[in-house]
Amino acid sequence: MSSIANVQELIAKRAARELIGPSVVNLGIGIPTLVAKYIDDELIHFHTENGLLGVTDVEEEDPNLVNAGKLPVGERAGASFFSSAESFGMIRGGHIDVAILGALQVDENGRIANWAIPGKNIIGVGGAMDLLVGAKKVIVTTSHLTKDGKSKLMKSCTFPLTSTRSVDMIITELAVFTVVNEQLIMTELMPGATLEQVRESTDALFVEGDSAYEHSNA
């Protein structure tokens, strides 16, 4: 397993600890899809916005079924199928307990950018905007740094925001942050990470304990 895969699995496994049934959970594209591997609670029901409640992890995939990211998925016993319109009605009606999303950038108020990169073609917006408005709790799973070593946790996003709503939790390979009153609070270091690493790798203002740290990679 590559180091990137190790990082993704570490983040997904930590995110899985936040899911307690009975819950309806929507998993976004990327790291979020790995979360299902670490769930054995029969009262966690995975939802995909293209119309399936009862998604199983990739190890039980059916090549004839796909999720919103067009990846093959499986169906658990008792799964239900419905139209995309009904699926978005569930999201907008507040019937999704938890949404786990990926992110390109996160600002220091907990708002995310995850749907467009300026200058690049947009394949599709997907359901992230709706999930940020309609889901009761939103957890972001993302690597802490970009491929070129820049912080994804920024003072302000340079990519278009997905929603004005702040997420509830951010999980990276370095730390776990909760968002309270639009402020990032580091609540936990991930295995092998140090506080100094988090400080050096985070451009956004965040609180750790009773102290606030403002950082810059400049």
N, C-alpha and C. Protein backbone atom coordinates (compact mmCIF):
# COMPACT_ATOMS: atom_id res chain seq x y z
N MET A 1 0.85 -1.20 0.00
CA MET A 1 0.00 0.00 0.00
C MET A 1 0.88 1.24 0.00
N SER A 2 0.57 2.18 -0.89
CA SER A 2 1.36 3.40 -0.98
C SER A 2 1.12 4.29 0.22
N SER A 3 2.02 5.27 0.42
CA SER A 3 1.87 6.19 1.53
C SER A 3 0.59 7.00 1.40
N ILE A 4 0.22 7.36 0.15
CA ILE A 4 -1.03 8.11 -0.05
C ILE A 4 -2.22 7.26 0.37
N ALA A 5 -2.22 6.00 -0.01
CA ALA A 5 -3.30 5.10 0.38
C ALA A 5 -3.35 4.93 1.89
N ASN A 6 -2.19 4.82 2.52
CA ASN A 6 -2.14 4.72 3.98
C ASN A 6 -2.78 5.92 4.64
N VAL A 7 -2.46 7.10 4.13
CA VAL A 7 -3.02 8.34 4.67
C VAL A 7 -4.54 8.33 4.52
N GLN A 8 -5.01 7.96 3.35
CA GLN A 8 -6.45 7.95 3.10
C GLN A 8 -7.17 6.96 4.01
N GLU A 9 -6.59 5.79 4.19
CA GLU A 9 -7.22 4.80 5.05
C GLU A 9 -7.23 5.27 6.51
N LEU A 10 -6.17 5.92 6.95
CA LEU A 10 -6.09 6.44 8.31
C LEU A 10 -7.21 7.45 8.57
N ILE A 11 -7.40 8.35 7.60
CA ILE A 11 -8.43 9.38 7.74
C ILE A 11 -9.82 8.75 7.73
N ALA A 12 -10.04 7.82 6.81
CA ALA A 12 -11.34 7.17 6.71
C ALA A 12 -11.68 6.39 7.97
N LYS A 13 -10.70 5.69 8.51
CA LYS A 13 -10.93 4.91 9.73
C LYS A 13 -11.30 5.82 10.89
N ARG A 14 -10.65 6.98 10.98
CA ARG A 14 -10.99 7.91 12.08
C ARG A 14 -12.39 8.48 11.86
N ALA A 15 -12.75 8.78 10.63
CA ALA A 15 -14.08 9.31 10.36
C ALA A 15 -15.16 8.31 10.72
N ALA A 16 -14.88 7.03 10.51
CA ALA A 16 -15.86 6.00 10.81
C ALA A 16 -16.24 5.99 12.28
N ARG A 17 -15.34 6.40 13.14
CA ARG A 17 -15.62 6.44 14.58
C ARG A 17 -16.68 7.46 14.95
N GLU A 18 -16.96 8.39 14.04
CA GLU A 18 -17.96 9.43 14.31
C GLU A 18 -19.38 8.96 13.97
N LEU A 19 -19.51 7.80 13.36
CA LEU A 19 -20.83 7.34 12.92
C LEU A 19 -21.44 6.38 13.92
N ILE A 20 -22.58 6.75 14.43
CA ILE A 20 -23.30 5.94 15.41
C ILE A 20 -24.74 5.77 14.92
N GLY A 21 -25.18 4.53 14.82
CA GLY A 21 -26.53 4.27 14.36
C GLY A 21 -27.58 4.48 15.44
N PRO A 22 -28.83 4.66 15.05
CA PRO A 22 -29.31 4.65 13.66
C PRO A 22 -29.03 5.98 12.97
N SER A 23 -28.44 5.92 11.78
CA SER A 23 -28.11 7.12 11.03
C SER A 23 -28.18 6.85 9.53
N VAL A 24 -28.60 7.85 8.78
CA VAL A 24 -28.50 7.83 7.33
C VAL A 24 -27.31 8.70 6.97
N VAL A 25 -26.35 8.12 6.25
CA VAL A 25 -25.06 8.77 6.00
C VAL A 25 -24.79 8.83 4.50
N ASN A 26 -24.42 10.01 4.02
CA ASN A 26 -24.03 10.18 2.63
C ASN A 26 -22.51 10.29 2.56
N LEU A 27 -21.90 9.50 1.68
CA LEU A 27 -20.45 9.52 1.51
C LEU A 27 -20.09 10.19 0.19
N GLY A 28 -19.25 11.22 0.25
CA GLY A 28 -18.80 11.92 -0.94
C GLY A 28 -17.76 11.14 -1.71
N ILE A 29 -17.21 11.76 -2.72
CA ILE A 29 -16.21 11.13 -3.59
C ILE A 29 -14.83 11.19 -2.95
N GLY A 30 -14.00 10.18 -3.19
CA GLY A 30 -12.63 10.17 -2.68
C GLY A 30 -12.53 9.45 -1.35
N ILE A 31 -11.84 10.05 -0.40
CA ILE A 31 -11.63 9.43 0.92
C ILE A 31 -12.94 8.99 1.56
N PRO A 32 -14.02 9.78 1.47
CA PRO A 32 -15.27 9.36 2.12
C PRO A 32 -15.75 7.97 1.71
N THR A 33 -15.51 7.56 0.47
CA THR A 33 -15.99 6.26 0.03
C THR A 33 -15.34 5.11 0.80
N LEU A 34 -14.17 5.37 1.40
CA LEU A 34 -13.46 4.33 2.15
C LEU A 34 -14.04 4.09 3.53
N VAL A 35 -14.84 5.03 4.01
CA VAL A 35 -15.36 4.95 5.37
C VAL A 35 -16.20 3.71 5.60
N ALA A 36 -16.97 3.31 4.59
CA ALA A 36 -17.86 2.15 4.73
C ALA A 36 -17.11 0.88 5.12
N LYS A 37 -15.84 0.78 4.75
CA LYS A 37 -15.03 -0.41 5.07
C LYS A 37 -14.89 -0.61 6.57
N TYR A 38 -15.01 0.47 7.33
CA TYR A 38 -14.75 0.42 8.76
C TYR A 38 -16.03 0.47 9.61
N ILE A 39 -17.16 0.22 8.97
CA ILE A 39 -18.44 0.25 9.66
C ILE A 39 -19.04 -1.15 9.72
N ASP A 40 -19.38 -1.61 10.92
CA ASP A 40 -20.09 -2.88 11.05
C ASP A 40 -21.41 -2.71 11.80
N ASP A 41 -21.82 -1.47 11.99
CA ASP A 41 -23.08 -1.16 12.66
C ASP A 41 -24.21 -1.29 11.63
N GLU A 42 -25.11 -2.25 11.86
CA GLU A 42 -26.21 -2.48 10.93
C GLU A 42 -27.19 -1.32 10.88
N LEU A 43 -27.10 -0.40 11.83
CA LEU A 43 -28.02 0.73 11.86
C LEU A 43 -27.46 1.96 11.14
N ILE A 44 -26.28 1.81 10.50
CA ILE A 44 -25.75 2.86 9.64
C ILE A 44 -26.18 2.55 8.21
N HIS A 45 -26.96 3.44 7.61
CA HIS A 45 -27.49 3.22 6.27
C HIS A 45 -26.87 4.25 5.32
N PHE A 46 -26.08 3.78 4.37
CA PHE A 46 -25.38 4.68 3.46
C PHE A 46 -26.27 5.06 2.27
N HIS A 47 -26.25 6.34 1.97
CA HIS A 47 -27.12 6.94 0.96
C HIS A 47 -26.27 7.52 -0.16
N THR A 48 -26.74 7.41 -1.40
CA THR A 48 -26.07 8.07 -2.51
C THR A 48 -27.11 8.88 -3.28
N GLU A 49 -26.71 10.08 -3.69
CA GLU A 49 -27.70 11.00 -4.24
C GLU A 49 -28.27 10.59 -5.59
N ASN A 50 -27.68 9.57 -6.24
CA ASN A 50 -28.29 9.11 -7.48
C ASN A 50 -29.39 8.08 -7.25
N GLY A 51 -29.72 7.79 -5.96
CA GLY A 51 -30.93 7.04 -5.71
C GLY A 51 -30.84 5.67 -5.07
N LEU A 52 -29.95 5.51 -4.07
CA LEU A 52 -29.85 4.22 -3.38
C LEU A 52 -29.62 4.47 -1.89
N LEU A 53 -30.41 3.82 -1.06
CA LEU A 53 -30.21 3.81 0.38
C LEU A 53 -29.93 2.37 0.79
N GLY A 54 -28.72 2.13 1.31
CA GLY A 54 -28.30 0.78 1.62
C GLY A 54 -27.08 0.37 0.82
N VAL A 55 -26.18 1.34 0.60
CA VAL A 55 -24.94 1.10 -0.13
C VAL A 55 -23.99 0.29 0.74
N THR A 56 -23.32 -0.69 0.15
CA THR A 56 -22.28 -1.42 0.87
C THR A 56 -20.92 -0.99 0.34
N ASP A 57 -19.86 -1.44 1.02
CA ASP A 57 -18.52 -1.00 0.62
C ASP A 57 -18.09 -1.69 -0.68
N VAL A 58 -16.94 -1.23 -1.19
CA VAL A 58 -16.48 -1.67 -2.52
C VAL A 58 -16.17 -3.16 -2.59
N GLU A 59 -15.95 -3.82 -1.45
CA GLU A 59 -15.63 -5.24 -1.48
C GLU A 59 -16.85 -6.08 -1.90
N GLU A 60 -18.04 -5.49 -1.84
CA GLU A 60 -19.25 -6.21 -2.23
C GLU A 60 -19.89 -5.56 -3.45
N GLU A 61 -19.09 -4.93 -4.28
CA GLU A 61 -19.62 -4.13 -5.37
C GLU A 61 -20.30 -4.98 -6.45
N ASP A 62 -21.29 -4.37 -7.07
CA ASP A 62 -22.01 -4.93 -8.20
C ASP A 62 -21.67 -4.04 -9.40
N PRO A 63 -21.08 -4.57 -10.45
CA PRO A 63 -20.68 -3.73 -11.59
C PRO A 63 -21.85 -3.03 -12.26
N ASN A 64 -23.08 -3.47 -11.96
CA ASN A 64 -24.26 -2.84 -12.55
C ASN A 64 -24.78 -1.68 -11.72
N LEU A 65 -24.20 -1.45 -10.54
CA LEU A 65 -24.64 -0.37 -9.67
C LEU A 65 -23.49 0.59 -9.45
N VAL A 66 -23.79 1.89 -9.46
CA VAL A 66 -22.76 2.89 -9.20
C VAL A 66 -23.29 3.91 -8.20
N ASN A 67 -22.33 4.60 -7.54
CA ASN A 67 -22.72 5.68 -6.65
C ASN A 67 -22.69 7.01 -7.43
N ALA A 68 -22.83 8.12 -6.71
CA ALA A 68 -22.87 9.42 -7.38
C ALA A 68 -21.55 9.76 -8.06
N GLY A 69 -20.47 9.11 -7.62
CA GLY A 69 -19.17 9.33 -8.24
C GLY A 69 -18.89 8.36 -9.37
N LYS A 70 -19.91 7.59 -9.77
CA LYS A 70 -19.84 6.63 -10.88
C LYS A 70 -18.92 5.45 -10.58
N LEU A 71 -18.71 5.17 -9.29
CA LEU A 71 -17.92 4.02 -8.89
C LEU A 71 -18.85 2.87 -8.53
N PRO A 72 -18.48 1.63 -8.87
CA PRO A 72 -19.33 0.49 -8.53
C PRO A 72 -19.53 0.34 -7.03
N VAL A 73 -20.77 0.01 -6.64
CA VAL A 73 -21.09 -0.22 -5.23
C VAL A 73 -21.95 -1.47 -5.13
N GLY A 74 -22.19 -1.90 -3.91
CA GLY A 74 -23.08 -3.03 -3.68
C GLY A 74 -24.33 -2.56 -2.97
N GLU A 75 -25.30 -3.45 -2.86
CA GLU A 75 -26.53 -3.16 -2.13
C GLU A 75 -26.68 -4.16 -0.99
N ARG A 76 -26.99 -3.64 0.18
CA ARG A 76 -27.19 -4.51 1.33
C ARG A 76 -28.62 -5.05 1.31
N ALA A 77 -28.88 -6.08 2.09
CA ALA A 77 -30.23 -6.62 2.21
C ALA A 77 -31.16 -5.53 2.72
N GLY A 78 -32.30 -5.38 2.06
CA GLY A 78 -33.25 -4.36 2.46
C GLY A 78 -33.02 -3.00 1.85
N ALA A 79 -32.05 -2.89 0.93
CA ALA A 79 -31.76 -1.61 0.28
C ALA A 79 -32.97 -1.14 -0.53
N SER A 80 -33.05 0.18 -0.70
CA SER A 80 -34.16 0.73 -1.48
C SER A 80 -33.62 1.63 -2.58
N PHE A 81 -34.33 1.62 -3.71
CA PHE A 81 -33.95 2.43 -4.87
C PHE A 81 -35.04 3.47 -5.12
N PHE A 82 -34.62 4.65 -5.58
CA PHE A 82 -35.57 5.72 -5.85
C PHE A 82 -34.94 6.67 -6.85
N SER A 83 -35.72 7.64 -7.33
CA SER A 83 -35.21 8.57 -8.33
C SER A 83 -34.23 9.55 -7.71
N SER A 84 -33.41 10.16 -8.56
CA SER A 84 -32.49 11.19 -8.08
C SER A 84 -33.25 12.36 -7.47
N ALA A 85 -34.41 12.68 -8.04
CA ALA A 85 -35.22 13.78 -7.50
C ALA A 85 -35.66 13.47 -6.07
N GLU A 86 -36.09 12.24 -5.82
CA GLU A 86 -36.48 11.85 -4.46
C GLU A 86 -35.27 11.86 -3.53
N SER A 87 -34.12 11.45 -4.07
CA SER A 87 -32.91 11.43 -3.26
C SER A 87 -32.52 12.83 -2.81
N PHE A 88 -32.59 13.79 -3.74
CA PHE A 88 -32.28 15.17 -3.37
C PHE A 88 -33.35 15.75 -2.45
N GLY A 89 -34.57 15.24 -2.57
CA GLY A 89 -35.61 15.65 -1.64
C GLY A 89 -35.29 15.21 -0.22
N MET A 90 -34.70 14.02 -0.08
CA MET A 90 -34.26 13.55 1.23
C MET A 90 -33.20 14.48 1.80
N ILE A 91 -32.25 14.88 0.93
CA ILE A 91 -31.16 15.75 1.38
C ILE A 91 -31.70 17.12 1.79
N ARG A 92 -32.48 17.72 0.90
CA ARG A 92 -32.97 19.07 1.15
C ARG A 92 -34.01 19.11 2.25
N GLY A 93 -34.64 17.97 2.51
CA GLY A 93 -35.65 17.90 3.56
C GLY A 93 -35.08 17.62 4.94
N GLY A 94 -33.75 17.52 5.05
CA GLY A 94 -33.13 17.31 6.36
C GLY A 94 -33.14 15.88 6.85
N HIS A 95 -33.21 14.91 5.91
CA HIS A 95 -33.29 13.51 6.30
C HIS A 95 -31.94 12.78 6.29
N ILE A 96 -30.86 13.49 5.98
CA ILE A 96 -29.51 12.91 6.02
C ILE A 96 -28.87 13.32 7.34
N ASP A 97 -28.52 12.34 8.16
CA ASP A 97 -27.97 12.63 9.48
C ASP A 97 -26.53 13.13 9.40
N VAL A 98 -25.72 12.49 8.56
CA VAL A 98 -24.31 12.85 8.44
C VAL A 98 -23.90 12.81 6.97
N ALA A 99 -23.17 13.83 6.54
CA ALA A 99 -22.53 13.81 5.22
C ALA A 99 -21.03 13.87 5.43
N ILE A 100 -20.31 12.99 4.77
CA ILE A 100 -18.84 13.00 4.83
C ILE A 100 -18.35 13.40 3.44
N LEU A 101 -17.68 14.54 3.38
CA LEU A 101 -17.27 15.13 2.11
C LEU A 101 -15.76 15.28 2.02
N GLY A 102 -15.24 15.26 0.80
CA GLY A 102 -13.85 15.65 0.57
C GLY A 102 -13.79 17.16 0.39
N ALA A 103 -12.59 17.70 0.36
CA ALA A 103 -12.44 19.14 0.17
C ALA A 103 -11.13 19.45 -0.53
N LEU A 104 -11.17 20.47 -1.38
CA LEU A 104 -9.95 20.99 -1.99
C LEU A 104 -9.29 22.00 -1.06
N GLN A 105 -10.13 22.81 -0.39
CA GLN A 105 -9.65 23.83 0.54
C GLN A 105 -10.67 23.99 1.67
N VAL A 106 -10.17 24.41 2.83
CA VAL A 106 -11.02 24.75 3.97
C VAL A 106 -10.54 26.08 4.51
N ASP A 107 -11.46 27.03 4.77
CA ASP A 107 -11.00 28.30 5.33
C ASP A 107 -11.08 28.27 6.86
N GLU A 108 -10.59 29.31 7.51
CA GLU A 108 -10.49 29.29 8.96
C GLU A 108 -11.84 29.46 9.66
N ASN A 109 -12.91 29.64 8.89
CA ASN A 109 -14.26 29.65 9.44
C ASN A 109 -14.96 28.30 9.25
N GLY A 110 -14.23 27.34 8.66
CA GLY A 110 -14.80 26.02 8.44
C GLY A 110 -15.61 25.88 7.19
N ARG A 111 -15.54 26.86 6.29
CA ARG A 111 -16.23 26.76 5.01
C ARG A 111 -15.32 26.07 4.01
N ILE A 112 -15.91 25.29 3.10
CA ILE A 112 -15.09 24.49 2.20
C ILE A 112 -15.30 24.86 0.73
N ALA A 113 -14.27 24.56 -0.06
CA ALA A 113 -14.34 24.63 -1.52
C ALA A 113 -14.04 23.23 -2.02
N ASN A 114 -14.97 22.62 -2.72
CA ASN A 114 -14.74 21.25 -3.18
C ASN A 114 -15.40 20.91 -4.51
N TRP A 115 -15.81 21.95 -5.28
CA TRP A 115 -16.53 21.62 -6.50
C TRP A 115 -15.92 22.20 -7.77
N ALA A 116 -15.02 23.17 -7.67
CA ALA A 116 -14.48 23.77 -8.89
C ALA A 116 -13.08 24.32 -8.66
N ILE A 117 -12.23 24.16 -9.67
CA ILE A 117 -10.90 24.76 -9.69
C ILE A 117 -10.87 25.77 -10.83
N PRO A 118 -10.63 27.04 -10.53
CA PRO A 118 -10.63 28.05 -11.61
C PRO A 118 -9.73 27.66 -12.77
N GLY A 119 -10.23 27.80 -13.99
CA GLY A 119 -9.45 27.48 -15.17
C GLY A 119 -9.57 26.06 -15.64
N LYS A 120 -10.27 25.20 -14.86
CA LYS A 120 -10.44 23.81 -15.26
C LYS A 120 -11.92 23.52 -15.48
N ASN A 121 -12.18 22.58 -16.40
CA ASN A 121 -13.56 22.22 -16.69
C ASN A 121 -14.22 21.59 -15.48
N ILE A 122 -15.49 21.90 -15.29
CA ILE A 122 -16.27 21.33 -14.20
C ILE A 122 -17.05 20.14 -14.74
N ILE A 123 -16.76 18.96 -14.24
CA ILE A 123 -17.46 17.76 -14.71
C ILE A 123 -18.89 17.77 -14.20
N GLY A 124 -19.08 18.19 -12.96
CA GLY A 124 -20.42 18.23 -12.37
C GLY A 124 -20.32 18.71 -10.94
N VAL A 125 -21.32 19.46 -10.52
CA VAL A 125 -21.32 19.98 -9.16
C VAL A 125 -21.62 18.89 -8.15
N GLY A 126 -22.46 17.92 -8.54
CA GLY A 126 -22.82 16.87 -7.61
C GLY A 126 -23.75 17.37 -6.52
N GLY A 127 -23.76 16.66 -5.39
CA GLY A 127 -24.70 17.01 -4.32
C GLY A 127 -24.09 17.74 -3.15
N ALA A 128 -22.82 18.15 -3.24
CA ALA A 128 -22.15 18.74 -2.08
C ALA A 128 -22.85 20.01 -1.59
N MET A 129 -23.29 20.86 -2.51
CA MET A 129 -23.96 22.09 -2.09
C MET A 129 -25.22 21.78 -1.31
N ASP A 130 -26.00 20.82 -1.81
CA ASP A 130 -27.24 20.45 -1.13
C ASP A 130 -26.95 19.80 0.22
N LEU A 131 -25.93 18.96 0.27
CA LEU A 131 -25.59 18.28 1.52
C LEU A 131 -25.12 19.26 2.59
N LEU A 132 -24.39 20.28 2.17
CA LEU A 132 -23.92 21.27 3.13
C LEU A 132 -25.08 22.06 3.73
N VAL A 133 -26.14 22.21 2.96
CA VAL A 133 -27.32 22.92 3.46
C VAL A 133 -28.26 21.99 4.24
N GLY A 134 -28.42 20.75 3.72
CA GLY A 134 -29.45 19.89 4.27
C GLY A 134 -29.03 18.86 5.30
N ALA A 135 -27.77 18.42 5.30
CA ALA A 135 -27.35 17.38 6.25
C ALA A 135 -27.25 17.95 7.66
N LYS A 136 -27.62 17.13 8.63
CA LYS A 136 -27.59 17.59 10.02
C LYS A 136 -26.16 17.80 10.52
N LYS A 137 -25.23 16.97 10.07
CA LYS A 137 -23.82 17.09 10.46
C LYS A 137 -22.95 16.86 9.24
N VAL A 138 -21.91 17.67 9.07
CA VAL A 138 -21.01 17.53 7.93
C VAL A 138 -19.58 17.34 8.43
N ILE A 139 -18.97 16.26 7.99
CA ILE A 139 -17.58 15.95 8.33
C ILE A 139 -16.76 16.01 7.05
N VAL A 140 -15.63 16.69 7.10
CA VAL A 140 -14.72 16.76 5.95
C VAL A 140 -13.53 15.85 6.19
N THR A 141 -13.20 15.04 5.20
CA THR A 141 -12.01 14.20 5.24
C THR A 141 -11.10 14.62 4.10
N THR A 142 -9.87 15.00 4.43
CA THR A 142 -8.96 15.50 3.41
C THR A 142 -7.52 15.38 3.88
N SER A 143 -6.61 15.28 2.93
CA SER A 143 -5.20 15.37 3.29
C SER A 143 -4.91 16.79 3.76
N HIS A 144 -3.96 16.95 4.65
CA HIS A 144 -3.68 18.26 5.24
C HIS A 144 -3.01 19.19 4.24
N LEU A 145 -2.22 18.62 3.33
CA LEU A 145 -1.46 19.41 2.37
C LEU A 145 -1.80 19.02 0.95
N THR A 146 -1.59 19.95 0.02
CA THR A 146 -1.73 19.65 -1.40
C THR A 146 -0.54 18.83 -1.87
N LYS A 147 -0.57 18.39 -3.10
CA LYS A 147 0.54 17.61 -3.65
C LYS A 147 1.85 18.40 -3.67
N ASP A 148 1.75 19.72 -3.77
CA ASP A 148 2.97 20.53 -3.76
C ASP A 148 3.28 21.12 -2.38
N GLY A 149 2.70 20.53 -1.34
CA GLY A 149 3.08 20.87 0.02
C GLY A 149 2.43 22.10 0.62
N LYS A 150 1.37 22.62 0.00
CA LYS A 150 0.70 23.80 0.55
C LYS A 150 -0.47 23.38 1.43
N SER A 151 -0.73 24.19 2.45
CA SER A 151 -1.81 23.86 3.38
C SER A 151 -3.16 23.93 2.69
N LYS A 152 -4.02 22.93 2.97
CA LYS A 152 -5.40 22.99 2.51
C LYS A 152 -6.28 23.74 3.50
N LEU A 153 -5.79 23.91 4.72
CA LEU A 153 -6.52 24.67 5.74
C LEU A 153 -5.99 26.09 5.69
N MET A 154 -6.75 26.96 5.04
CA MET A 154 -6.26 28.28 4.65
C MET A 154 -7.00 29.39 5.40
N LYS A 155 -6.41 30.59 5.39
CA LYS A 155 -7.11 31.73 5.96
C LYS A 155 -8.38 32.02 5.16
N SER A 156 -8.26 32.00 3.84
CA SER A 156 -9.41 32.19 2.96
C SER A 156 -9.25 31.26 1.75
N CYS A 157 -10.33 30.67 1.31
CA CYS A 157 -10.28 29.80 0.14
C CYS A 157 -10.05 30.63 -1.13
N THR A 158 -9.21 30.14 -2.00
CA THR A 158 -8.99 30.80 -3.28
C THR A 158 -9.85 30.18 -4.37
N PHE A 159 -10.42 29.01 -4.11
CA PHE A 159 -11.36 28.38 -5.01
C PHE A 159 -12.78 28.78 -4.60
N PRO A 160 -13.75 28.66 -5.50
CA PRO A 160 -15.13 29.04 -5.16
C PRO A 160 -15.67 28.20 -3.99
N LEU A 161 -16.30 28.88 -3.02
CA LEU A 161 -16.89 28.17 -1.89
C LEU A 161 -18.06 27.31 -2.36
N THR A 162 -18.21 26.18 -1.70
CA THR A 162 -19.33 25.29 -2.01
C THR A 162 -20.61 25.76 -1.33
N SER A 163 -20.47 26.32 -0.13
CA SER A 163 -21.61 26.82 0.62
C SER A 163 -21.10 27.80 1.66
N THR A 164 -22.00 28.64 2.14
CA THR A 164 -21.62 29.56 3.23
C THR A 164 -21.71 28.87 4.59
N ARG A 165 -22.25 27.66 4.63
CA ARG A 165 -22.33 26.93 5.89
C ARG A 165 -20.96 26.38 6.27
N SER A 166 -20.61 26.52 7.53
CA SER A 166 -19.38 25.90 8.04
C SER A 166 -19.64 24.42 8.32
N VAL A 167 -18.63 23.60 8.10
CA VAL A 167 -18.76 22.18 8.41
C VAL A 167 -18.63 22.00 9.92
N ASP A 168 -18.87 20.78 10.39
CA ASP A 168 -18.83 20.51 11.82
C ASP A 168 -17.51 19.92 12.28
N MET A 169 -16.83 19.22 11.39
CA MET A 169 -15.58 18.55 11.76
C MET A 169 -14.70 18.39 10.54
N ILE A 170 -13.38 18.48 10.75
CA ILE A 170 -12.39 18.28 9.70
C ILE A 170 -11.40 17.24 10.19
N ILE A 171 -11.17 16.21 9.40
CA ILE A 171 -10.23 15.15 9.77
C ILE A 171 -9.16 15.06 8.69
N THR A 172 -7.91 15.25 9.08
CA THR A 172 -6.77 15.07 8.19
C THR A 172 -5.86 14.00 8.78
N GLU A 173 -4.75 13.72 8.10
CA GLU A 173 -3.81 12.74 8.64
C GLU A 173 -3.01 13.28 9.81
N LEU A 174 -3.10 14.60 10.05
CA LEU A 174 -2.36 15.22 11.15
C LEU A 174 -3.21 15.51 12.38
N ALA A 175 -4.47 15.88 12.16
CA ALA A 175 -5.27 16.32 13.30
C ALA A 175 -6.76 16.25 13.01
N VAL A 176 -7.53 16.36 14.09
CA VAL A 176 -8.98 16.46 14.01
C VAL A 176 -9.37 17.83 14.55
N PHE A 177 -10.20 18.53 13.79
CA PHE A 177 -10.68 19.85 14.19
C PHE A 177 -12.20 19.82 14.28
N THR A 178 -12.75 20.47 15.28
CA THR A 178 -14.17 20.75 15.29
C THR A 178 -14.33 22.23 14.95
N VAL A 179 -15.51 22.59 14.48
CA VAL A 179 -15.78 23.98 14.13
C VAL A 179 -16.90 24.48 15.05
N VAL A 180 -16.55 25.45 15.88
CA VAL A 180 -17.51 26.01 16.84
C VAL A 180 -17.57 27.51 16.63
N ASN A 181 -18.77 28.02 16.35
CA ASN A 181 -18.94 29.45 16.10
C ASN A 181 -17.96 29.95 15.03
N GLU A 182 -17.84 29.16 13.96
CA GLU A 182 -16.99 29.49 12.82
C GLU A 182 -15.51 29.63 13.20
N GLN A 183 -15.08 28.85 14.18
CA GLN A 183 -13.67 28.86 14.58
C GLN A 183 -13.17 27.43 14.62
N LEU A 184 -11.97 27.20 14.07
CA LEU A 184 -11.36 25.87 14.08
C LEU A 184 -10.75 25.59 15.45
N ILE A 185 -11.12 24.46 16.01
CA ILE A 185 -10.56 24.03 17.30
C ILE A 185 -9.94 22.67 17.12
N MET A 186 -8.63 22.57 17.31
CA MET A 186 -7.95 21.29 17.19
C MET A 186 -8.21 20.48 18.45
N THR A 187 -8.87 19.35 18.29
CA THR A 187 -9.26 18.54 19.43
C THR A 187 -8.43 17.28 19.59
N GLU A 188 -7.68 16.92 18.55
CA GLU A 188 -7.00 15.63 18.59
C GLU A 188 -5.87 15.59 17.58
N LEU A 189 -4.73 15.04 18.00
CA LEU A 189 -3.64 14.75 17.07
C LEU A 189 -3.81 13.34 16.54
N MET A 190 -3.56 13.16 15.26
CA MET A 190 -3.64 11.83 14.68
C MET A 190 -2.38 11.04 15.02
N PRO A 191 -2.44 9.71 14.95
CA PRO A 191 -1.28 8.88 15.30
C PRO A 191 -0.02 9.29 14.55
N GLY A 192 1.06 9.51 15.31
CA GLY A 192 2.35 9.85 14.72
C GLY A 192 2.55 11.33 14.45
N ALA A 193 1.50 12.13 14.58
CA ALA A 193 1.61 13.57 14.30
C ALA A 193 1.98 14.32 15.58
N THR A 194 2.60 15.48 15.40
CA THR A 194 2.95 16.33 16.53
C THR A 194 2.26 17.68 16.38
N LEU A 195 2.12 18.37 17.50
CA LEU A 195 1.52 19.70 17.45
C LEU A 195 2.34 20.64 16.58
N GLU A 196 3.64 20.50 16.62
CA GLU A 196 4.50 21.36 15.81
C GLU A 196 4.24 21.13 14.33
N GLN A 197 4.03 19.87 13.93
CA GLN A 197 3.69 19.58 12.53
C GLN A 197 2.40 20.28 12.12
N VAL A 198 1.41 20.21 13.00
CA VAL A 198 0.12 20.84 12.69
C VAL A 198 0.29 22.35 12.55
N ARG A 199 1.05 22.95 13.45
CA ARG A 199 1.28 24.40 13.40
C ARG A 199 1.97 24.79 12.09
N GLU A 200 2.98 24.03 11.71
CA GLU A 200 3.75 24.36 10.50
C GLU A 200 2.96 24.10 9.22
N SER A 201 1.98 23.21 9.30
CA SER A 201 1.26 22.79 8.09
C SER A 201 -0.10 23.46 7.93
N THR A 202 -0.45 24.36 8.84
CA THR A 202 -1.78 24.97 8.83
C THR A 202 -1.68 26.48 8.69
N ASP A 203 -2.23 27.00 7.62
CA ASP A 203 -2.23 28.45 7.41
C ASP A 203 -3.40 29.13 8.13
N ALA A 204 -4.47 28.38 8.35
CA ALA A 204 -5.65 28.95 9.00
C ALA A 204 -5.40 29.18 10.49
N LEU A 205 -6.08 30.15 11.02
CA LEU A 205 -6.07 30.37 12.46
C LEU A 205 -6.84 29.23 13.12
N PHE A 206 -6.26 28.63 14.17
CA PHE A 206 -6.98 27.61 14.90
C PHE A 206 -6.64 27.72 16.38
N VAL A 207 -7.49 27.12 17.19
CA VAL A 207 -7.32 27.15 18.64
C VAL A 207 -6.92 25.75 19.12
N GLU A 208 -5.95 25.71 19.99
CA GLU A 208 -5.55 24.45 20.63
C GLU A 208 -5.48 24.72 22.13
N GLY A 209 -6.35 24.10 22.86
CA GLY A 209 -6.40 24.40 24.29
C GLY A 209 -6.91 25.82 24.51
N ASP A 210 -6.19 26.60 25.30
CA ASP A 210 -6.59 27.97 25.58
C ASP A 210 -5.84 28.98 24.74
N SER A 211 -5.05 28.50 23.75
CA SER A 211 -4.22 29.41 22.97
C SER A 211 -4.60 29.38 21.50
N ALA A 212 -4.44 30.50 20.83
CA ALA A 212 -4.70 30.57 19.39
C ALA A 212 -3.38 30.75 18.67
N TYR A 213 -3.24 30.07 17.54
CA TYR A 213 -2.02 30.15 16.75
C TYR A 213 -2.35 30.57 15.34
N GLU A 214 -1.63 31.53 14.84
CA GLU A 214 -1.80 31.92 13.46
C GLU A 214 -0.51 31.56 12.72
N HIS A 215 -0.65 30.90 11.60
CA HIS A 215 0.52 30.35 10.94
C HIS A 215 0.58 30.77 9.48
N SER A 216 1.77 30.75 8.94
CA SER A 216 1.94 31.02 7.52
C SER A 216 3.10 30.18 7.02
N ASN A 217 2.92 29.61 5.84
CA ASN A 217 4.00 28.85 5.22
C ASN A 217 4.88 29.74 4.35
N ALA A 218 4.63 31.04 4.37
CA ALA A 218 5.40 31.97 3.55
C ALA A 218 6.83 32.03 4.04
